[in-house]
Amino acid sequence: MSKGGYVVVMREGKTQQFFGDACPEWRKQAKLADTSRSARRTAA
């Protein structure tokens, strides 16, 4: 993972997101929002 990136890990059917140290705050907020694509995908 690069300093400004993120990675999604799936364990036992659940996903977790990890962000690099230099990942922009706006990207973190967008990825963690309830309306984000990944939030809608993992809600089912």
Protein backbone atom coordinates (compact mmCIF):
# COMPACT_ATOMS: atom_id res chain seq x y z
CA MET A 1 0.00 0.00 0.00
CA SER A 2 1.32 3.43 -0.87
CA LYS A 3 1.39 6.28 1.67
CA GLY A 4 -1.55 8.02 0.00
CA GLY A 5 -3.60 4.93 -0.73
CA TYR A 6 -5.89 2.48 0.97
CA VAL A 7 -6.51 -1.25 1.02
CA VAL A 8 -9.67 -3.28 1.63
CA VAL A 9 -9.28 -6.61 3.45
CA MET A 10 -11.97 -9.26 3.72
CA ARG A 11 -11.89 -11.72 6.61
CA GLU A 12 -14.65 -14.18 7.43
CA GLY A 13 -17.06 -12.37 5.11
CA LYS A 14 -16.50 -8.91 6.64
CA THR A 15 -14.54 -6.08 5.06
CA GLN A 16 -12.15 -3.63 6.72
CA GLN A 17 -10.51 -0.59 5.15
CA PHE A 18 -7.02 0.58 6.05
CA PHE A 19 -5.67 3.96 4.94
CA GLY A 20 -2.07 5.07 4.37
CA ASP A 21 -0.54 7.88 6.44
CA ALA A 22 -0.76 10.42 3.61
CA CYS A 23 -4.25 9.46 2.40
CA PRO A 24 -6.32 12.67 2.00
CA GLU A 25 -9.02 13.22 4.60
CA TRP A 26 -11.65 13.82 1.90
CA ARG A 27 -11.00 10.36 0.49
CA LYS A 28 -11.38 8.73 3.91
CA GLN A 29 -14.69 10.52 4.47
CA ALA A 30 -15.94 9.55 1.01
CA LYS A 31 -15.03 5.88 1.50
CA LEU A 32 -16.62 5.69 4.96
CA ALA A 33 -19.87 7.54 4.11
CA ASP A 34 -23.15 5.59 4.31
CA THR A 35 -23.85 6.46 0.68
CA SER A 36 -20.54 5.16 -0.65
CA ARG A 37 -20.52 2.28 -3.10
CA SER A 38 -18.61 -0.01 -0.73
CA ALA A 39 -21.01 0.74 2.14
CA ARG A 40 -23.99 -0.19 -0.03
CA ARG A 41 -22.24 -3.36 -1.23
CA THR A 42 -21.34 -4.64 2.25
CA ALA A 43 -24.67 -3.74 3.89
CA ALA A 44 -26.48 -6.75 2.41
